[in-house]
Amino acid sequence: MENKHENGDKNNENANPNTNNATINDNLPENTDKNAAKRVGYIFSKKLDTEMNKIEKIEERSLMLNSLLFYTGVIKKLKLYDVNLVDMEELRVFHSSEYLDFLADPTEELQEDFGCVYDCPVFDGMSDFVRSVASASITAAELLLRNKVDIAINWSGGWHHAKRDSAAGFCYVNDIVLAIHKLQASFKRILYIDIDVHHGDAVEDAFSSTSRVVTLSLHKQEPGFFPGTGFAQDIGYGKGKYHSINVPLKSGIDDASYCSIFDQVFHLVDTKIQPDVIVLQCGVDGLAGDPHGGFNLTPAGYSHCVQTVIKADKPVLLLGGGGYNIPNSVRLVIILNYVVQADKPVLLLGGGGYNIPNSVRCWTRITSDLVGLELGEEIPDTDPYFLEYGPDFTLAVTPTNIKNSNSKKNIEDLVALVKDNLEKIVL
């Protein structure tokens, strides 16, 4: 691994994203005591921060997140790992050679063929960006496979729309699929859960014909809402029939309704599938106020879902995903906190989050909860990005007055359909 090290307590103080030096070391022994504190590994790379800034929709997000983690003291509780840059060849496990070649040398006449138009424009250094993002999530997965940590976090991951041979929905590489492929080296049956407000279409497509990976996506589905897939009747095919599970929801769903359906569906799926590991994509664009969302969730609601998953006592991989109200997205991290409580390896990945301050708040809170550090509500005024968190300068996210268009009968019908389809699976 290129400059891969594990961070000791005294050296985390140097991990300031606003400076040019970050001391990382790899001398701590492996933890075999189940009663000891969880070893939380965090992918920390200034090159990765720089690469993430190439995407206009999330510019400064990674830098803001690492800055808030530093000034709240959270980063001192983490074991920091640099990115192990993999060869582009490893990305061919999922992405086509033609697509990867285009990213390295884009030509105008092929931009539309490879999806690099509209929301995924061509930019300088696309190949480096894709390699860095994919490598970060693969590095996190490898930490779990090698038992270096109990929880591995890459908040720069979670790009669930990128297809085998094209970009889509701000996503140029599907680090989730690549990480799942890596985890399959040790885990026979994987449950992928996507709680992004947008359907996890490309991840579902990648595994829709296999019984080894079950995909579960809870998302908003209304006419004209991206990506326009994920109907309840979409259940996979071939060996993967009934292994794709979709729970399409309407605008304005609140914590109570969302948690109710999540608890019921997750219990049904977990009981039937009995997965060896769970991958959780935690897009935070379902938070109240996200410009690309439409749900009315809070960190408490997301946190409840993560806690539900954690109690299943399975290895969990958490992915970020959507979350374009950046401050709220950061707050959402509280939810992921509970997924990590399981006595299993956990991989946390980021993703979308377009209200940058809210996204940062959410992921900071989640990370702090994972390491058992209680934070105050106030944003530290020593943080160089302090003014970005106005006007309240706190970690809180408040629900809006949007109408909840999801009736009790809608939810009951969705749960009944999931139950019916699961009963048709022969293990």
Protein backbone atom coordinates (compact mmCIF):
# COMPACT_ATOMS: atom_id res chain seq x y z
CA MET A 1 0.00 0.00 0.00
CA GLU A 2 1.35 3.37 -0.98
CA ASN A 3 2.27 5.26 2.20
CA LYS A 4 -0.41 3.37 4.05
CA HIS A 5 -0.07 3.75 7.78
CA GLU A 6 -2.14 3.51 10.90
CA ASN A 7 -2.30 6.59 13.02
CA GLY A 8 -1.30 6.75 16.70
CA ASP A 9 -2.99 9.15 19.09
CA LYS A 10 -0.20 11.69 19.33
CA ASN A 11 0.21 11.92 15.57
CA ASN A 12 -3.43 12.60 14.74
CA GLU A 13 -2.85 16.16 15.86
CA ASN A 14 -0.87 16.63 12.65
CA ALA A 15 -3.74 15.49 10.46
CA ASN A 16 -4.93 19.02 9.75
CA PRO A 17 -6.41 19.16 6.23
CA ASN A 18 -5.64 22.88 6.13
CA THR A 19 -1.89 22.28 6.31
CA ASN A 20 0.46 20.36 4.08
CA ASN A 21 1.61 17.78 6.59
CA ALA A 22 -0.15 14.73 7.99
CA THR A 23 1.68 12.17 10.11
CA ILE A 24 0.33 8.65 9.85
CA ASN A 25 1.85 5.48 11.29
CA ASP A 26 1.12 1.77 11.22
CA ASN A 27 2.52 0.36 14.44
CA LEU A 28 -0.56 -0.53 16.48
CA PRO A 29 -1.24 -4.25 17.05
CA GLU A 30 -4.34 -6.01 15.82
CA ASN A 31 -7.27 -6.07 18.21
CA THR A 32 -8.56 -9.55 19.08
CA ASP A 33 -10.44 -8.56 22.25
CA LYS A 34 -14.16 -8.27 21.46
CA ASN A 35 -14.67 -6.24 24.61
CA ALA A 36 -12.12 -3.62 23.60
CA ALA A 37 -13.07 -0.36 21.93
CA LYS A 38 -13.80 -0.56 18.22
CA ARG A 39 -10.88 0.15 15.93
CA VAL A 40 -12.14 2.83 13.58
CA GLY A 41 -10.08 3.33 10.44
CA TYR A 42 -10.52 6.48 8.39
CA ILE A 43 -9.32 7.03 4.84
CA PHE A 44 -7.42 10.32 5.06
CA SER A 45 -5.70 11.61 1.95
CA LYS A 46 -5.06 15.16 0.85
CA LYS A 47 -4.75 13.95 -2.71
CA LEU A 48 -8.24 12.48 -2.37
CA ASP A 49 -9.51 15.83 -1.05
CA THR A 50 -8.00 17.51 -4.10
CA GLU A 51 -9.55 14.98 -6.47
CA MET A 52 -13.00 15.39 -4.90
CA ASN A 53 -12.81 19.12 -5.57
CA LYS A 54 -12.92 18.37 -9.28
CA ILE A 55 -16.67 17.70 -8.98
CA GLU A 56 -18.34 21.11 -8.95
CA LYS A 57 -21.43 19.92 -7.07
CA ILE A 58 -19.36 18.85 -4.06
CA GLU A 59 -16.48 21.30 -4.26
CA GLU A 60 -14.84 21.87 -0.86
CA ARG A 61 -16.99 19.17 0.77
CA SER A 62 -14.18 16.76 1.56
CA LEU A 63 -11.95 19.56 2.81
CA MET A 64 -14.74 20.97 4.98
CA LEU A 65 -15.47 17.55 6.42
CA ASN A 66 -11.89 16.79 7.37
CA SER A 67 -11.55 20.30 8.76
CA LEU A 68 -14.59 19.89 11.02
CA LEU A 69 -13.39 16.45 12.10
CA PHE A 70 -10.07 18.04 13.05
CA TYR A 71 -11.41 21.07 14.93
CA THR A 72 -14.00 19.03 16.85
CA GLY A 73 -11.25 16.63 17.93
CA VAL A 74 -12.89 13.63 16.27
CA ILE A 75 -9.90 12.92 14.06
CA LYS A 76 -7.73 12.28 17.13
CA LYS A 77 -9.88 9.22 17.87
CA LEU A 78 -9.40 7.68 14.43
CA LYS A 79 -6.72 5.49 12.91
CA LEU A 80 -5.79 7.23 9.70
CA TYR A 81 -4.98 5.36 6.51
CA ASP A 82 -3.66 6.75 3.27
CA VAL A 83 -5.17 5.55 -0.01
CA ASN A 84 -3.60 2.51 -1.59
CA LEU A 85 -3.72 3.56 -5.24
CA VAL A 86 -4.67 0.51 -7.28
CA ASP A 87 -3.90 0.00 -10.94
CA MET A 88 -6.65 1.03 -13.34
CA GLU A 89 -6.70 -2.61 -14.36
CA GLU A 90 -8.49 -3.44 -11.08
CA LEU A 91 -11.40 -1.23 -12.10
CA ARG A 92 -12.01 -3.51 -15.07
CA VAL A 93 -13.60 -5.95 -12.65
CA PHE A 94 -16.72 -3.86 -13.29
CA HIS A 95 -16.05 -1.01 -15.72
CA SER A 96 -15.43 -1.65 -19.41
CA SER A 97 -12.01 -1.10 -20.95
CA GLU A 98 -13.54 1.29 -23.49
CA TYR A 99 -15.02 3.49 -20.78
CA LEU A 100 -11.84 3.60 -18.72
CA ASP A 101 -9.82 4.38 -21.86
CA PHE A 102 -12.19 7.26 -22.60
CA LEU A 103 -11.76 8.68 -19.10
CA ALA A 104 -7.99 8.67 -19.63
CA ASP A 105 -8.23 10.33 -23.04
CA PRO A 106 -11.71 11.85 -23.57
CA THR A 107 -12.76 12.92 -27.06
CA GLU A 108 -15.67 15.20 -27.82
CA GLU A 109 -17.34 12.81 -30.26
CA LEU A 110 -17.57 10.06 -27.63
CA GLN A 111 -18.74 12.15 -24.66
CA GLU A 112 -22.41 11.32 -25.10
CA ASP A 113 -21.70 7.62 -25.69
CA PHE A 114 -20.01 7.38 -22.29
CA GLY A 115 -22.49 9.57 -20.39
CA CYS A 116 -20.12 12.49 -19.94
CA VAL A 117 -22.67 15.21 -20.68
CA TYR A 118 -25.15 17.29 -18.70
CA ASP A 119 -24.75 16.29 -15.01
CA CYS A 120 -21.48 14.44 -15.72
CA PRO A 121 -19.39 16.83 -17.82
CA VAL A 122 -15.87 16.10 -18.93
CA PHE A 123 -13.17 17.68 -16.75
CA ASP A 124 -9.40 17.60 -16.59
CA GLY A 125 -8.00 14.59 -14.77
CA MET A 126 -11.09 12.36 -14.85
CA SER A 127 -8.99 9.21 -14.84
CA ASP A 128 -7.08 10.33 -11.74
CA PHE A 129 -10.35 11.17 -9.99
CA VAL A 130 -11.89 7.78 -10.76
CA ARG A 131 -8.75 5.93 -9.71
CA SER A 132 -8.52 7.82 -6.42
CA VAL A 133 -12.18 7.36 -5.45
CA ALA A 134 -12.20 3.67 -6.35
CA SER A 135 -8.88 3.08 -4.60
CA ALA A 136 -10.16 4.71 -1.41
CA SER A 137 -13.15 2.39 -1.13
CA ILE A 138 -11.10 -0.66 -2.11
CA THR A 139 -8.53 0.33 0.52
CA ALA A 140 -11.29 0.55 3.14
CA ALA A 141 -12.62 -2.89 2.15
CA GLU A 142 -9.12 -4.35 2.34
CA LEU A 143 -8.69 -3.03 5.89
CA LEU A 144 -11.67 -5.15 6.90
CA LEU A 145 -10.52 -8.18 4.98
CA ARG A 146 -7.10 -7.98 6.68
CA ASN A 147 -8.64 -7.40 10.12
CA LYS A 148 -6.75 -4.14 10.53
CA VAL A 149 -9.85 -2.32 11.80
CA ASP A 150 -13.41 -3.09 12.89
CA ILE A 151 -14.88 -0.09 11.10
CA ALA A 152 -13.48 1.39 7.90
CA ILE A 153 -14.72 4.78 6.71
CA ASN A 154 -14.43 6.41 3.30
CA TRP A 155 -16.81 9.33 3.19
CA SER A 156 -15.64 10.07 -0.35
CA GLY A 157 -17.28 6.86 -1.62
CA GLY A 158 -20.83 5.74 -2.36
CA TRP A 159 -21.26 6.64 -6.05
CA HIS A 160 -24.13 4.31 -6.91
CA HIS A 161 -25.23 5.60 -10.35
CA ALA A 162 -22.05 4.95 -12.38
CA LYS A 163 -22.65 2.15 -14.85
CA ARG A 164 -20.27 -0.34 -16.40
CA ASP A 165 -19.62 1.78 -19.46
CA SER A 166 -20.94 5.24 -18.65
CA ALA A 167 -21.15 8.00 -16.07
CA ALA A 168 -24.51 9.08 -14.61
CA GLY A 169 -25.94 11.23 -11.83
CA PHE A 170 -22.67 12.96 -10.88
CA CYS A 171 -21.06 9.48 -10.63
CA TYR A 172 -18.06 8.54 -12.79
CA VAL A 173 -17.02 5.33 -11.01
CA ASN A 174 -19.00 2.77 -9.05
CA ASP A 175 -16.77 2.28 -6.03
CA ILE A 176 -19.59 0.39 -4.31
CA VAL A 177 -19.63 -2.44 -6.85
CA LEU A 178 -15.84 -2.58 -6.76
CA ALA A 179 -15.82 -2.73 -2.94
CA ILE A 180 -18.46 -5.48 -2.92
CA HIS A 181 -16.40 -7.49 -5.39
CA LYS A 182 -13.44 -7.12 -3.02
CA LEU A 183 -15.51 -8.24 -0.01
CA GLN A 184 -16.71 -11.32 -1.88
CA ALA A 185 -13.25 -12.76 -1.34
CA SER A 186 -14.28 -13.58 2.26
CA PHE A 187 -18.05 -13.17 2.49
CA LYS A 188 -20.35 -15.59 0.70
CA ARG A 189 -23.63 -13.69 0.92
CA ILE A 190 -23.80 -9.89 0.94
CA LEU A 191 -26.75 -7.63 1.66
CA TYR A 192 -26.48 -4.18 0.10
CA ILE A 193 -28.77 -1.52 1.57
CA ASP A 194 -29.20 1.87 -0.09
CA ILE A 195 -30.95 4.64 1.86
CA ASP A 196 -30.08 7.42 -0.56
CA VAL A 197 -33.13 9.40 -1.73
CA HIS A 198 -32.26 8.24 -5.26
CA HIS A 199 -32.58 4.62 -6.36
CA GLY A 200 -29.30 2.67 -6.29
CA ASP A 201 -29.81 1.70 -9.91
CA ALA A 202 -26.31 0.79 -11.09
CA VAL A 203 -25.52 -1.34 -8.03
CA GLU A 204 -28.79 -3.22 -8.43
CA ASP A 205 -28.10 -3.74 -12.14
CA ALA A 206 -24.62 -5.10 -11.41
CA PHE A 207 -25.95 -7.86 -9.15
CA SER A 208 -29.52 -8.39 -10.43
CA SER A 209 -28.73 -11.84 -11.84
CA THR A 210 -26.88 -13.32 -8.86
CA SER A 211 -28.11 -14.77 -5.58
CA ARG A 212 -24.86 -13.92 -3.75
CA VAL A 213 -25.70 -10.22 -3.41
CA VAL A 214 -29.13 -9.02 -2.32
CA THR A 215 -29.88 -5.35 -2.97
CA LEU A 216 -32.40 -3.36 -0.95
CA SER A 217 -33.14 0.23 -1.91
CA LEU A 218 -35.50 2.67 -0.17
CA HIS A 219 -35.85 5.73 -2.36
CA LYS A 220 -38.09 8.44 -3.71
CA GLN A 221 -39.93 7.57 -6.90
CA GLU A 222 -42.13 10.09 -8.64
CA PRO A 223 -42.54 11.08 -12.30
CA GLY A 224 -39.46 12.93 -13.51
CA PHE A 225 -37.36 12.12 -10.46
CA PHE A 226 -33.89 10.72 -11.21
CA PRO A 227 -33.07 7.99 -12.13
CA GLY A 228 -36.65 6.86 -12.79
CA THR A 229 -36.00 3.24 -11.82
CA GLY A 230 -36.53 1.09 -8.74
CA PHE A 231 -40.17 0.07 -9.06
CA ALA A 232 -41.49 -2.37 -6.49
CA GLN A 233 -41.99 -4.88 -9.31
CA ASP A 234 -38.28 -4.81 -10.21
CA ILE A 235 -37.09 -7.99 -8.50
CA GLY A 236 -34.07 -9.21 -10.46
CA TYR A 237 -33.90 -12.10 -12.89
CA GLY A 238 -32.32 -15.51 -13.45
CA LYS A 239 -30.55 -16.72 -10.33
CA GLY A 240 -31.08 -13.27 -8.89
CA LYS A 241 -34.86 -13.28 -9.18
CA TYR A 242 -36.43 -11.86 -5.99
CA HIS A 243 -32.96 -10.78 -4.82
CA SER A 244 -33.52 -7.16 -5.91
CA ILE A 245 -35.82 -5.44 -3.42
CA ASN A 246 -37.18 -1.97 -4.06
CA VAL A 247 -39.21 0.22 -1.73
CA PRO A 248 -40.32 3.29 -3.72
CA LEU A 249 -41.56 6.15 -1.55
CA LYS A 250 -43.25 9.49 -2.15
CA SER A 251 -42.21 13.02 -1.23
CA GLY A 252 -42.16 14.36 2.30
CA ILE A 253 -41.69 11.12 4.22
CA ASP A 254 -40.73 11.86 7.82
CA ASP A 255 -38.72 9.97 10.41
CA ALA A 256 -41.69 8.09 11.89
CA SER A 257 -42.95 6.73 8.57
CA TYR A 258 -39.49 6.00 7.18
CA CYS A 259 -38.27 4.20 10.28
CA SER A 260 -41.45 2.15 10.43
CA ILE A 261 -41.08 0.80 6.92
CA PHE A 262 -37.32 0.38 7.23
CA ASP A 263 -37.63 -1.67 10.43
CA GLN A 264 -40.25 -3.97 8.94
CA VAL A 265 -38.52 -4.49 5.60
CA PHE A 266 -35.06 -4.93 7.06
CA HIS A 267 -36.29 -7.52 9.56
CA LEU A 268 -37.96 -9.50 6.77
CA VAL A 269 -34.91 -9.38 4.53
CA ASP A 270 -32.35 -10.10 7.24
CA THR A 271 -34.36 -13.03 8.62
CA LYS A 272 -34.80 -14.59 5.20
CA ILE A 273 -31.38 -13.91 3.66
CA GLN A 274 -29.13 -14.29 6.73
CA PRO A 275 -26.31 -12.28 5.11
CA ASP A 276 -22.67 -12.69 6.06
CA VAL A 277 -21.96 -8.99 5.60
CA ILE A 278 -24.01 -5.84 5.07
CA VAL A 279 -22.98 -2.96 2.85
CA LEU A 280 -24.81 0.25 3.70
CA GLN A 281 -24.84 3.21 1.34
CA CYS A 282 -25.76 6.21 3.45
CA GLY A 283 -26.64 8.94 1.00
CA VAL A 284 -27.89 11.90 2.99
CA ASP A 285 -29.94 13.68 0.34
CA GLY A 286 -33.08 12.52 2.15
CA LEU A 287 -32.40 15.06 4.88
CA ALA A 288 -34.83 17.92 5.19
CA GLY A 289 -33.81 20.79 2.95
CA ASP A 290 -31.57 18.93 0.51
CA PRO A 291 -31.86 20.60 -2.92
CA HIS A 292 -31.86 17.25 -4.76
CA GLY A 293 -34.03 15.36 -2.29
CA GLY A 294 -37.67 15.72 -1.33
CA PHE A 295 -37.80 13.69 1.88
CA ASN A 296 -38.11 15.26 5.33
CA LEU A 297 -35.73 13.14 7.39
CA THR A 298 -33.42 14.12 10.22
CA PRO A 299 -30.19 12.58 11.54
CA ALA A 300 -32.25 10.89 14.24
CA GLY A 301 -34.26 8.99 11.64
CA TYR A 302 -31.19 7.91 9.72
CA SER A 303 -29.47 6.96 12.94
CA HIS A 304 -32.38 4.74 13.91
CA CYS A 305 -32.03 2.83 10.63
CA VAL A 306 -28.33 2.31 11.14
CA GLN A 307 -28.93 1.11 14.68
CA THR A 308 -31.48 -1.39 13.37
CA VAL A 309 -28.89 -2.78 10.97
CA ILE A 310 -26.18 -2.89 13.64
CA LYS A 311 -28.34 -4.95 15.93
CA ALA A 312 -28.42 -7.63 13.25
CA ASP A 313 -24.86 -8.40 14.38
CA LYS A 314 -23.49 -8.66 10.84
CA PRO A 315 -20.45 -7.08 9.20
CA VAL A 316 -21.56 -3.76 7.71
CA LEU A 317 -20.17 -1.57 4.96
CA LEU A 318 -21.57 1.95 5.11
CA LEU A 319 -21.61 4.07 1.98
CA GLY A 320 -22.31 7.75 1.76
CA GLY A 321 -24.18 8.38 -1.45
CA GLY A 322 -26.46 11.34 -2.03
CA GLY A 323 -26.68 14.34 0.22
CA TYR A 324 -26.58 17.61 -1.56
CA ASN A 325 -27.53 19.78 1.34
CA ILE A 326 -23.97 19.46 2.58
CA PRO A 327 -24.46 20.59 6.19
CA ASN A 328 -27.38 18.20 6.71
CA SER A 329 -25.48 15.37 5.10
CA VAL A 330 -22.71 15.70 7.62
CA ARG A 331 -25.26 15.58 10.41
CA LEU A 332 -26.56 12.31 9.03
CA VAL A 333 -23.43 10.60 10.18
CA ILE A 334 -25.20 10.07 13.49
CA ILE A 335 -27.36 7.45 11.88
CA LEU A 336 -24.48 5.42 10.56
CA ASN A 337 -23.07 5.37 14.03
CA TYR A 338 -25.30 2.60 15.14
CA VAL A 339 -24.58 0.30 12.23
CA VAL A 340 -21.02 0.09 13.47
CA GLN A 341 -22.03 -1.20 16.88
CA ALA A 342 -22.34 -4.74 15.53
CA ASP A 343 -19.51 -7.06 16.45
CA LYS A 344 -18.62 -7.30 12.76
CA PRO A 345 -16.48 -5.40 10.28
CA VAL A 346 -18.14 -2.28 8.92
CA LEU A 347 -17.29 -0.26 5.81
CA LEU A 348 -18.73 3.25 5.70
CA LEU A 349 -18.77 5.08 2.39
CA GLY A 350 -19.92 8.56 1.56
CA GLY A 351 -21.32 9.76 -1.75
CA GLY A 352 -23.76 12.54 -2.63
CA GLY A 353 -24.47 15.50 -0.42
CA TYR A 354 -25.04 18.79 -2.17
CA ASN A 355 -25.83 21.08 0.66
CA ILE A 356 -22.20 20.96 1.63
CA PRO A 357 -22.39 22.31 5.21
CA ASN A 358 -25.24 19.93 6.12
CA SER A 359 -23.50 16.95 4.59
CA VAL A 360 -20.39 17.73 6.58
CA ARG A 361 -22.38 18.13 9.77
CA CYS A 362 -23.99 14.76 9.28
CA TRP A 363 -20.87 12.74 8.57
CA THR A 364 -19.01 14.49 11.39
CA ARG A 365 -21.72 13.54 13.84
CA ILE A 366 -21.80 9.94 12.64
CA THR A 367 -18.03 9.65 12.96
CA SER A 368 -18.00 11.19 16.42
CA ASP A 369 -20.68 8.77 17.59
CA LEU A 370 -18.67 5.85 16.24
CA VAL A 371 -15.67 6.77 18.38
CA GLY A 372 -17.79 7.64 21.41
CA LEU A 373 -17.02 11.35 21.39
CA GLU A 374 -19.95 13.50 22.44
CA LEU A 375 -20.00 16.78 20.58
CA GLY A 376 -21.69 20.01 21.53
CA GLU A 377 -24.18 21.60 19.18
CA GLU A 378 -21.94 24.54 18.28
CA ILE A 379 -19.57 24.54 15.30
CA PRO A 380 -16.06 25.43 16.57
CA ASP A 381 -15.31 29.03 15.64
CA THR A 382 -11.67 28.03 15.08
CA ASP A 383 -12.67 26.08 11.98
CA PRO A 384 -11.63 28.09 8.87
CA TYR A 385 -14.99 27.14 7.31
CA PHE A 386 -16.99 28.41 10.30
CA LEU A 387 -18.93 31.03 8.30
CA GLU A 388 -20.22 28.35 5.91
CA TYR A 389 -22.42 26.93 8.70
CA GLY A 390 -24.54 30.01 9.18
CA PRO A 391 -26.96 31.27 10.16
CA ASP A 392 -27.24 28.94 13.17
CA PHE A 393 -23.62 27.63 13.29
CA THR A 394 -24.78 24.36 14.88
CA LEU A 395 -24.84 20.65 13.97
CA ALA A 396 -28.65 20.44 14.01
CA VAL A 397 -31.02 19.82 11.07
CA THR A 398 -34.65 20.90 11.39
CA PRO A 399 -37.55 19.23 9.50
CA THR A 400 -39.53 21.39 7.06
CA ASN A 401 -43.30 21.76 6.65
CA ILE A 402 -43.45 19.63 3.50
CA LYS A 403 -46.46 17.31 3.30
CA ASN A 404 -45.86 13.59 3.86
CA SER A 405 -47.44 12.00 0.77
CA ASN A 406 -46.93 8.45 2.06
CA SER A 407 -50.10 7.00 3.56
CA LYS A 408 -50.21 4.18 6.08
CA LYS A 409 -51.79 1.97 3.42
CA ASN A 410 -48.96 2.75 0.96
CA ILE A 411 -46.46 1.55 3.51
CA GLU A 412 -48.46 -1.56 4.41
CA ASP A 413 -48.78 -2.52 0.74
CA LEU A 414 -45.04 -2.13 0.14
CA VAL A 415 -44.15 -4.26 3.15
CA ALA A 416 -46.64 -6.93 2.08
CA LEU A 417 -45.12 -7.08 -1.42
CA VAL A 418 -41.61 -7.43 -0.02
CA LYS A 419 -42.76 -10.23 2.28
CA ASP A 420 -44.50 -12.03 -0.57
CA ASN A 421 -41.43 -11.88 -2.83
CA LEU A 422 -39.05 -13.00 -0.09
CA GLU A 423 -41.17 -16.10 0.52
CA LYS A 424 -40.45 -17.13 -3.09
CA ILE A 425 -36.69 -17.25 -2.54
CA VAL A 426 -35.31 -20.76 -2.25
CA LEU A 427 -32.01 -20.77 -0.37
